[in-house]
C-alpha atoms as a PDB file:
ATOM      1  CA  MET A   1       0.000   0.000   0.000  1.00  0.00           C
ATOM      2  CA  ASN A   2       1.545   3.303  -0.949  1.00  0.00           C
ATOM      3  CA  ASP A   3       1.767   6.198   1.501  1.00  0.00           C
ATOM      4  CA  VAL A   4      -0.804   8.403  -0.256  1.00  0.00           C
ATOM      5  CA  PHE A   5      -3.461   5.689  -0.342  1.00  0.00           C
ATOM      6  CA  GLU A   6      -2.752   4.723   3.275  1.00  0.00           C
ATOM      7  CA  ALA A   7      -3.131   8.351   4.420  1.00  0.00           C
ATOM      8  CA  LEU A   8      -6.417   8.742   2.528  1.00  0.00           C
ATOM      9  CA  PHE A   9      -7.770   5.466   3.865  1.00  0.00           C
ATOM     10  CA  ALA A  10      -6.620   6.108   7.449  1.00  0.00           C
ATOM     11  CA  GLY A  11      -8.304   9.507   7.434  1.00  0.00           C
ATOM     12  CA  GLN A  12     -11.644   7.774   6.919  1.00  0.00           C
ATOM     13  CA  THR A  13     -11.354   5.405   9.892  1.00  0.00           C
ATOM     14  CA  ALA A  14     -12.358   5.879  13.509  1.00  0.00           C
ATOM     15  CA  LEU A  15      -8.806   5.154  14.676  1.00  0.00           C
ATOM     16  CA  GLY A  16      -7.289   7.586  12.205  1.00  0.00           C
ATOM     17  CA  ARG A  17      -4.924   4.861  11.054  1.00  0.00           C
ATOM     18  CA  VAL A  18      -4.929   1.564   9.216  1.00  0.00           C
ATOM     19  CA  GLY A  19      -5.818  -1.315  11.513  1.00  0.00           C
ATOM     20  CA  GLU A  20      -3.327  -3.908  12.654  1.00  0.00           C
ATOM     21  CA  PRO A  21      -3.976  -7.611  13.317  1.00  0.00           C
ATOM     22  CA  ASP A  22      -3.680  -7.010  17.071  1.00  0.00           C
ATOM     23  CA  ASP A  23      -6.578  -4.551  16.856  1.00  0.00           C
ATOM     24  CA  VAL A  24      -9.020  -7.355  16.106  1.00  0.00           C
ATOM     25  CA  GLY A  25      -7.198 -10.477  17.284  1.00  0.00           C
ATOM     26  CA  ARG A  26      -8.853 -10.755  20.697  1.00  0.00           C
ATOM     27  CA  MET A  27     -12.310 -10.131  19.284  1.00  0.00           C
ATOM     28  CA  ILE A  28     -11.858 -12.858  16.682  1.00  0.00           C
ATOM     29  CA  ALA A  29     -10.545 -15.259  19.322  1.00  0.00           C
ATOM     30  CA  SER A  30     -13.562 -14.602  21.554  1.00  0.00           C
ATOM     31  CA  LEU A  31     -15.914 -15.288  18.642  1.00  0.00           C
ATOM     32  CA  LEU A  32     -14.188 -18.603  17.990  1.00  0.00           C
ATOM     33  CA  LEU A  33     -14.357 -19.803  21.610  1.00  0.00           C
ATOM     34  CA  ASP A  34     -17.275 -22.036  22.505  1.00  0.00           C
ATOM     35  CA  ASP A  35     -18.327 -20.716  25.918  1.00  0.00           C
ATOM     36  CA  THR A  36     -21.936 -21.857  25.688  1.00  0.00           C
ATOM     37  CA  PRO A  37     -23.143 -23.955  28.632  1.00  0.00           C
ATOM     38  CA  GLY A  38     -24.223 -27.538  28.152  1.00  0.00           C
END
């Protein structure tokens, strides 16, 4: 991704930057866990 595109894209996000894998890693892990009783 070139710097111009990254700056344009990041300016449109809530974080003001391009996301990293660690930003969503825990959420994805929690969705994959089977914590349902029974």
